[in-house]
Amino acid sequence: MFNPGAIRYYLRLLALYVVALMMIIAAGRLFSSAPDTAGAIFLASGFAFTAFISLLIFFNGYASDRDKSVFMTLIAMGVKMLLVFVLALLYILVFKNDAIGSLILFFILYLAFTFYVIITFISVLKRKSD
């Protein structure tokens, strides 16, 4: 399940998550108009979880044969997209976080974690093609 070569990417994801948590907590203490800290931590945890699942699927396919690697990359991105949709439904509809600050935080965290996943995929696939 865990690819030994992928451990550093999982640790980088953990570092990104910790930085996001520190920024959320600092913003919550410094600014009174910041989104709810508990909801923001839930959101960051959800995005970290979706990115982790996506990386697990990707590295599982990367370790296997070349034909399966392409499909597993596409499946990883599709699963990440579906999990983000579920997270958006939970965050906006169930927990009623529809303030403009909460929505901006949602998109900032979405872009940060998606950017990390895409950069990881590109760097790993580029190294594989060399």
N, C-alpha and C. Protein backbone atom coordinates (compact mmCIF):
# COMPACT_ATOMS: atom_id res chain seq x y z
N MET A 1 0.83 -1.19 0.00
CA MET A 1 0.00 0.00 0.00
C MET A 1 0.87 1.26 0.00
N PHE A 2 1.83 1.32 0.92
CA PHE A 2 2.74 2.46 0.95
C PHE A 2 3.95 2.16 0.10
N ASN A 3 4.20 3.00 -0.85
CA ASN A 3 5.38 2.89 -1.69
C ASN A 3 6.54 3.56 -0.94
N PRO A 4 7.64 2.84 -0.70
CA PRO A 4 8.74 3.44 0.07
C PRO A 4 9.29 4.72 -0.56
N GLY A 5 9.26 4.83 -1.86
CA GLY A 5 9.75 6.04 -2.53
C GLY A 5 8.83 7.23 -2.39
N ALA A 6 7.61 6.98 -1.94
CA ALA A 6 6.62 8.05 -1.84
C ALA A 6 6.54 8.66 -0.45
N ILE A 7 7.30 8.16 0.48
CA ILE A 7 7.22 8.63 1.86
C ILE A 7 7.54 10.12 1.94
N ARG A 8 8.51 10.58 1.17
CA ARG A 8 8.87 12.00 1.24
C ARG A 8 7.74 12.89 0.74
N TYR A 9 6.96 12.40 -0.21
CA TYR A 9 5.82 13.19 -0.69
C TYR A 9 4.71 13.23 0.35
N TYR A 10 4.53 12.13 1.08
CA TYR A 10 3.55 12.12 2.17
C TYR A 10 3.98 13.06 3.29
N LEU A 11 5.28 13.10 3.57
CA LEU A 11 5.78 14.00 4.62
C LEU A 11 5.65 15.46 4.19
N ARG A 12 5.85 15.74 2.91
CA ARG A 12 5.65 17.10 2.42
C ARG A 12 4.18 17.50 2.51
N LEU A 13 3.29 16.56 2.24
CA LEU A 13 1.87 16.84 2.40
C LEU A 13 1.54 17.13 3.86
N LEU A 14 2.14 16.36 4.76
CA LEU A 14 1.95 16.61 6.18
C LEU A 14 2.46 18.00 6.57
N ALA A 15 3.60 18.39 6.02
CA ALA A 15 4.14 19.72 6.30
C ALA A 15 3.22 20.82 5.78
N LEU A 16 2.66 20.63 4.59
CA LEU A 16 1.70 21.59 4.04
C LEU A 16 0.48 21.70 4.93
N TYR A 17 0.02 20.57 5.43
CA TYR A 17 -1.13 20.55 6.33
C TYR A 17 -0.84 21.28 7.64
N VAL A 18 0.33 21.05 8.20
CA VAL A 18 0.70 21.71 9.45
C VAL A 18 0.82 23.23 9.24
N VAL A 19 1.40 23.64 8.14
CA VAL A 19 1.51 25.07 7.83
C VAL A 19 0.12 25.68 7.68
N ALA A 20 -0.78 24.98 6.99
CA ALA A 20 -2.15 25.47 6.84
C ALA A 20 -2.84 25.59 8.19
N LEU A 21 -2.65 24.60 9.05
CA LEU A 21 -3.24 24.67 10.40
C LEU A 21 -2.69 25.84 11.20
N MET A 22 -1.39 26.05 11.13
CA MET A 22 -0.78 27.16 11.87
C MET A 22 -1.31 28.50 11.37
N MET A 23 -1.47 28.63 10.07
CA MET A 23 -2.00 29.88 9.51
C MET A 23 -3.46 30.09 9.90
N ILE A 24 -4.24 29.02 9.92
CA ILE A 24 -5.65 29.12 10.31
C ILE A 24 -5.77 29.53 11.77
N ILE A 25 -4.99 28.92 12.63
CA ILE A 25 -5.04 29.24 14.06
C ILE A 25 -4.54 30.67 14.30
N ALA A 26 -3.48 31.07 13.62
CA ALA A 26 -2.96 32.44 13.78
C ALA A 26 -3.98 33.46 13.28
N ALA A 27 -4.62 33.20 12.16
CA ALA A 27 -5.63 34.13 11.64
C ALA A 27 -6.83 34.20 12.57
N GLY A 28 -7.20 33.07 13.15
CA GLY A 28 -8.32 33.06 14.08
C GLY A 28 -8.05 33.87 15.33
N ARG A 29 -6.79 33.91 15.77
CA ARG A 29 -6.45 34.68 16.98
C ARG A 29 -6.21 36.15 16.68
N LEU A 30 -5.70 36.44 15.48
CA LEU A 30 -5.38 37.83 15.15
C LEU A 30 -6.58 38.63 14.65
N PHE A 31 -7.44 37.99 13.90
CA PHE A 31 -8.55 38.71 13.27
C PHE A 31 -9.88 38.20 13.80
N SER A 32 -10.71 39.12 14.22
CA SER A 32 -12.02 38.71 14.74
C SER A 32 -12.98 38.32 13.62
N SER A 33 -12.71 38.80 12.41
CA SER A 33 -13.60 38.49 11.29
C SER A 33 -13.20 37.20 10.55
N ALA A 34 -12.21 36.48 11.05
CA ALA A 34 -11.76 35.24 10.41
C ALA A 34 -12.83 34.17 10.55
N PRO A 35 -12.88 33.24 9.61
CA PRO A 35 -13.86 32.15 9.71
C PRO A 35 -13.67 31.33 10.98
N ASP A 36 -14.69 30.60 11.35
CA ASP A 36 -14.66 29.76 12.54
C ASP A 36 -13.46 28.82 12.49
N THR A 37 -12.69 28.79 13.55
CA THR A 37 -11.46 28.00 13.57
C THR A 37 -11.74 26.51 13.48
N ALA A 38 -12.77 26.03 14.17
CA ALA A 38 -13.08 24.60 14.13
C ALA A 38 -13.50 24.17 12.73
N GLY A 39 -14.31 24.98 12.08
CA GLY A 39 -14.71 24.66 10.70
C GLY A 39 -13.56 24.72 9.74
N ALA A 40 -12.66 25.68 9.94
CA ALA A 40 -11.50 25.80 9.07
C ALA A 40 -10.54 24.63 9.26
N ILE A 41 -10.39 24.18 10.50
CA ILE A 41 -9.53 23.02 10.75
C ILE A 41 -10.14 21.77 10.12
N PHE A 42 -11.47 21.63 10.21
CA PHE A 42 -12.15 20.51 9.54
C PHE A 42 -11.91 20.56 8.04
N LEU A 43 -11.99 21.75 7.47
CA LEU A 43 -11.79 21.91 6.04
C LEU A 43 -10.36 21.57 5.63
N ALA A 44 -9.38 22.05 6.36
CA ALA A 44 -7.99 21.73 6.04
C ALA A 44 -7.72 20.24 6.19
N SER A 45 -8.31 19.63 7.21
CA SER A 45 -8.15 18.18 7.40
C SER A 45 -8.79 17.41 6.26
N GLY A 46 -9.93 17.86 5.81
CA GLY A 46 -10.59 17.21 4.68
C GLY A 46 -9.77 17.29 3.40
N PHE A 47 -9.21 18.46 3.14
CA PHE A 47 -8.39 18.60 1.94
C PHE A 47 -7.10 17.78 2.04
N ALA A 48 -6.51 17.72 3.22
CA ALA A 48 -5.31 16.91 3.39
C ALA A 48 -5.64 15.43 3.20
N PHE A 49 -6.80 15.01 3.70
CA PHE A 49 -7.22 13.62 3.52
C PHE A 49 -7.46 13.29 2.05
N THR A 50 -8.13 14.18 1.31
CA THR A 50 -8.37 13.92 -0.11
C THR A 50 -7.06 13.88 -0.89
N ALA A 51 -6.13 14.76 -0.55
CA ALA A 51 -4.83 14.75 -1.23
C ALA A 51 -4.07 13.47 -0.91
N PHE A 52 -4.15 13.02 0.34
CA PHE A 52 -3.47 11.79 0.74
C PHE A 52 -4.03 10.58 0.00
N ILE A 53 -5.35 10.49 -0.09
CA ILE A 53 -5.98 9.38 -0.83
C ILE A 53 -5.57 9.42 -2.30
N SER A 54 -5.54 10.60 -2.87
CA SER A 54 -5.14 10.74 -4.26
C SER A 54 -3.69 10.31 -4.47
N LEU A 55 -2.81 10.69 -3.56
CA LEU A 55 -1.41 10.27 -3.66
C LEU A 55 -1.26 8.76 -3.47
N LEU A 56 -2.04 8.19 -2.56
CA LEU A 56 -1.98 6.73 -2.38
C LEU A 56 -2.35 6.00 -3.66
N ILE A 57 -3.42 6.43 -4.30
CA ILE A 57 -3.85 5.79 -5.55
C ILE A 57 -2.79 5.98 -6.64
N PHE A 58 -2.27 7.19 -6.73
CA PHE A 58 -1.27 7.48 -7.76
C PHE A 58 -0.02 6.62 -7.58
N PHE A 59 0.52 6.58 -6.36
CA PHE A 59 1.75 5.82 -6.15
C PHE A 59 1.53 4.32 -6.21
N ASN A 60 0.32 3.87 -5.95
CA ASN A 60 0.00 2.46 -6.14
C ASN A 60 0.08 2.10 -7.62
N GLY A 61 -0.44 2.98 -8.48
CA GLY A 61 -0.36 2.75 -9.92
C GLY A 61 1.02 2.99 -10.47
N TYR A 62 1.74 3.91 -9.87
CA TYR A 62 3.10 4.22 -10.32
C TYR A 62 4.03 3.04 -10.12
N ALA A 63 3.82 2.30 -9.03
CA ALA A 63 4.68 1.16 -8.72
C ALA A 63 4.38 -0.04 -9.62
N SER A 64 3.21 -0.07 -10.22
CA SER A 64 2.84 -1.21 -11.07
C SER A 64 3.32 -0.97 -12.50
N ASP A 65 2.77 -1.72 -13.44
CA ASP A 65 3.23 -1.63 -14.82
C ASP A 65 2.89 -0.28 -15.46
N ARG A 66 3.51 -0.03 -16.61
CA ARG A 66 3.42 1.27 -17.29
C ARG A 66 2.00 1.56 -17.79
N ASP A 67 1.29 0.57 -18.30
CA ASP A 67 -0.06 0.79 -18.81
C ASP A 67 -1.03 1.15 -17.68
N LYS A 68 -0.88 0.51 -16.56
CA LYS A 68 -1.77 0.77 -15.43
C LYS A 68 -1.48 2.13 -14.79
N SER A 69 -0.27 2.62 -14.94
CA SER A 69 0.13 3.88 -14.33
C SER A 69 -0.69 5.06 -14.85
N VAL A 70 -0.97 5.08 -16.13
CA VAL A 70 -1.74 6.18 -16.72
C VAL A 70 -3.15 6.18 -16.17
N PHE A 71 -3.78 5.03 -16.13
CA PHE A 71 -5.15 4.95 -15.64
C PHE A 71 -5.24 5.26 -14.15
N MET A 72 -4.26 4.85 -13.39
CA MET A 72 -4.28 5.14 -11.95
C MET A 72 -4.08 6.63 -11.68
N THR A 73 -3.32 7.31 -12.53
CA THR A 73 -3.19 8.76 -12.39
C THR A 73 -4.53 9.43 -12.63
N LEU A 74 -5.23 9.02 -13.67
CA LEU A 74 -6.54 9.59 -13.96
C LEU A 74 -7.56 9.24 -12.88
N ILE A 75 -7.49 8.04 -12.37
CA ILE A 75 -8.40 7.63 -11.29
C ILE A 75 -8.11 8.44 -10.03
N ALA A 76 -6.83 8.68 -9.75
CA ALA A 76 -6.47 9.47 -8.57
C ALA A 76 -7.04 10.87 -8.65
N MET A 77 -6.95 11.49 -9.81
CA MET A 77 -7.52 12.84 -9.96
C MET A 77 -9.04 12.81 -9.89
N GLY A 78 -9.66 11.79 -10.46
CA GLY A 78 -11.12 11.67 -10.39
C GLY A 78 -11.62 11.45 -8.98
N VAL A 79 -10.94 10.60 -8.23
CA VAL A 79 -11.33 10.35 -6.84
C VAL A 79 -11.14 11.61 -6.00
N LYS A 80 -10.05 12.34 -6.26
CA LYS A 80 -9.83 13.59 -5.54
C LYS A 80 -10.95 14.58 -5.83
N MET A 81 -11.36 14.68 -7.07
CA MET A 81 -12.44 15.59 -7.43
C MET A 81 -13.74 15.20 -6.74
N LEU A 82 -14.07 13.92 -6.74
CA LEU A 82 -15.30 13.47 -6.09
C LEU A 82 -15.27 13.70 -4.59
N LEU A 83 -14.13 13.44 -3.96
CA LEU A 83 -14.01 13.68 -2.53
C LEU A 83 -14.11 15.17 -2.18
N VAL A 84 -13.59 16.01 -3.06
CA VAL A 84 -13.72 17.46 -2.83
C VAL A 84 -15.17 17.90 -2.97
N PHE A 85 -15.90 17.30 -3.91
CA PHE A 85 -17.33 17.62 -4.04
C PHE A 85 -18.08 17.24 -2.77
N VAL A 86 -17.77 16.08 -2.22
CA VAL A 86 -18.42 15.65 -0.98
C VAL A 86 -18.03 16.59 0.16
N LEU A 87 -16.78 16.97 0.21
CA LEU A 87 -16.32 17.90 1.24
C LEU A 87 -17.03 19.25 1.10
N ALA A 88 -17.20 19.72 -0.11
CA ALA A 88 -17.90 20.99 -0.34
C ALA A 88 -19.35 20.89 0.13
N LEU A 89 -20.00 19.77 -0.16
CA LEU A 89 -21.38 19.59 0.30
C LEU A 89 -21.46 19.59 1.82
N LEU A 90 -20.54 18.89 2.45
CA LEU A 90 -20.53 18.87 3.91
C LEU A 90 -20.26 20.25 4.49
N TYR A 91 -19.26 20.91 3.97
CA TYR A 91 -18.83 22.19 4.53
C TYR A 91 -19.88 23.28 4.32
N ILE A 92 -20.46 23.35 3.14
CA ILE A 92 -21.37 24.45 2.83
C ILE A 92 -22.81 24.14 3.24
N LEU A 93 -23.30 22.97 2.90
CA LEU A 93 -24.71 22.67 3.16
C LEU A 93 -24.97 22.12 4.55
N VAL A 94 -24.16 21.20 5.02
CA VAL A 94 -24.42 20.55 6.30
C VAL A 94 -23.99 21.44 7.46
N PHE A 95 -22.75 21.98 7.38
CA PHE A 95 -22.25 22.79 8.49
C PHE A 95 -22.60 24.27 8.35
N LYS A 96 -23.29 24.64 7.27
CA LYS A 96 -23.79 26.00 7.06
C LYS A 96 -22.70 27.07 7.10
N ASN A 97 -21.58 26.78 6.50
CA ASN A 97 -20.49 27.76 6.40
C ASN A 97 -20.59 28.45 5.05
N ASP A 98 -21.55 29.37 4.93
CA ASP A 98 -21.76 30.04 3.66
C ASP A 98 -21.37 31.51 3.68
N ALA A 99 -20.64 31.93 4.69
CA ALA A 99 -20.14 33.31 4.72
C ALA A 99 -19.05 33.47 3.66
N ILE A 100 -18.87 34.68 3.21
CA ILE A 100 -17.91 34.92 2.14
C ILE A 100 -16.49 34.55 2.56
N GLY A 101 -16.13 34.78 3.81
CA GLY A 101 -14.79 34.42 4.30
C GLY A 101 -14.58 32.92 4.28
N SER A 102 -15.62 32.16 4.62
CA SER A 102 -15.52 30.69 4.60
C SER A 102 -15.37 30.17 3.19
N LEU A 103 -16.07 30.78 2.24
CA LEU A 103 -15.97 30.33 0.85
C LEU A 103 -14.60 30.67 0.26
N ILE A 104 -14.07 31.83 0.63
CA ILE A 104 -12.73 32.19 0.16
C ILE A 104 -11.69 31.24 0.74
N LEU A 105 -11.84 30.91 2.02
CA LEU A 105 -10.93 29.94 2.65
C LEU A 105 -11.02 28.58 1.97
N PHE A 106 -12.24 28.17 1.60
CA PHE A 106 -12.43 26.90 0.90
C PHE A 106 -11.62 26.88 -0.39
N PHE A 107 -11.72 27.93 -1.19
CA PHE A 107 -11.02 27.94 -2.47
C PHE A 107 -9.51 28.10 -2.31
N ILE A 108 -9.08 28.82 -1.30
CA ILE A 108 -7.63 28.94 -1.06
C ILE A 108 -7.04 27.59 -0.69
N LEU A 109 -7.70 26.88 0.23
CA LEU A 109 -7.20 25.55 0.62
C LEU A 109 -7.32 24.56 -0.54
N TYR A 110 -8.40 24.66 -1.31
CA TYR A 110 -8.56 23.78 -2.47
C TYR A 110 -7.40 23.98 -3.45
N LEU A 111 -7.09 25.22 -3.75
CA LEU A 111 -6.01 25.49 -4.69
C LEU A 111 -4.65 25.07 -4.14
N ALA A 112 -4.41 25.27 -2.87
CA ALA A 112 -3.12 24.90 -2.28
C ALA A 112 -2.89 23.40 -2.34
N PHE A 113 -3.88 22.62 -1.92
CA PHE A 113 -3.69 21.16 -1.90
C PHE A 113 -3.75 20.57 -3.31
N THR A 114 -4.57 21.12 -4.18
CA THR A 114 -4.61 20.62 -5.56
C THR A 114 -3.32 20.95 -6.29
N PHE A 115 -2.79 22.13 -6.05
CA PHE A 115 -1.51 22.51 -6.65
C PHE A 115 -0.41 21.56 -6.20
N TYR A 116 -0.40 21.21 -4.92
CA TYR A 116 0.61 20.28 -4.42
C TYR A 116 0.48 18.91 -5.10
N VAL A 117 -0.74 18.42 -5.22
CA VAL A 117 -0.95 17.10 -5.83
C VAL A 117 -0.52 17.11 -7.29
N ILE A 118 -0.88 18.13 -8.02
CA ILE A 118 -0.53 18.19 -9.44
C ILE A 118 0.97 18.33 -9.64
N ILE A 119 1.62 19.16 -8.84
CA ILE A 119 3.07 19.30 -8.93
C ILE A 119 3.76 17.99 -8.59
N THR A 120 3.24 17.28 -7.60
CA THR A 120 3.80 15.97 -7.26
C THR A 120 3.67 15.00 -8.42
N PHE A 121 2.48 14.93 -9.01
CA PHE A 121 2.27 14.04 -10.14
C PHE A 121 3.22 14.37 -11.29
N ILE A 122 3.34 15.64 -11.59
CA ILE A 122 4.17 16.05 -12.72
C ILE A 122 5.64 15.73 -12.45
N SER A 123 6.11 16.02 -11.25
CA SER A 123 7.53 15.76 -10.97
C SER A 123 7.84 14.27 -10.97
N VAL A 124 6.95 13.45 -10.45
CA VAL A 124 7.18 12.00 -10.44
C VAL A 124 7.13 11.44 -11.86
N LEU A 125 6.16 11.87 -12.64
CA LEU A 125 6.04 11.35 -14.00
C LEU A 125 7.17 11.86 -14.89
N LYS A 126 7.64 13.06 -14.65
CA LYS A 126 8.76 13.58 -15.41
C LYS A 126 10.02 12.78 -15.13
N ARG A 127 10.24 12.46 -13.85
CA ARG A 127 11.41 11.64 -13.49
C ARG A 127 11.30 10.24 -14.06
N LYS A 128 10.07 9.72 -14.15
CA LYS A 128 9.87 8.37 -14.69
C LYS A 128 10.16 8.35 -16.19
N SER A 129 9.84 9.43 -16.90
CA SER A 129 10.04 9.44 -18.35
C SER A 129 11.51 9.65 -18.74
N ASP A 130 12.31 10.19 -17.81
CA ASP A 130 13.75 10.42 -18.12
C ASP A 130 14.54 9.15 -18.13
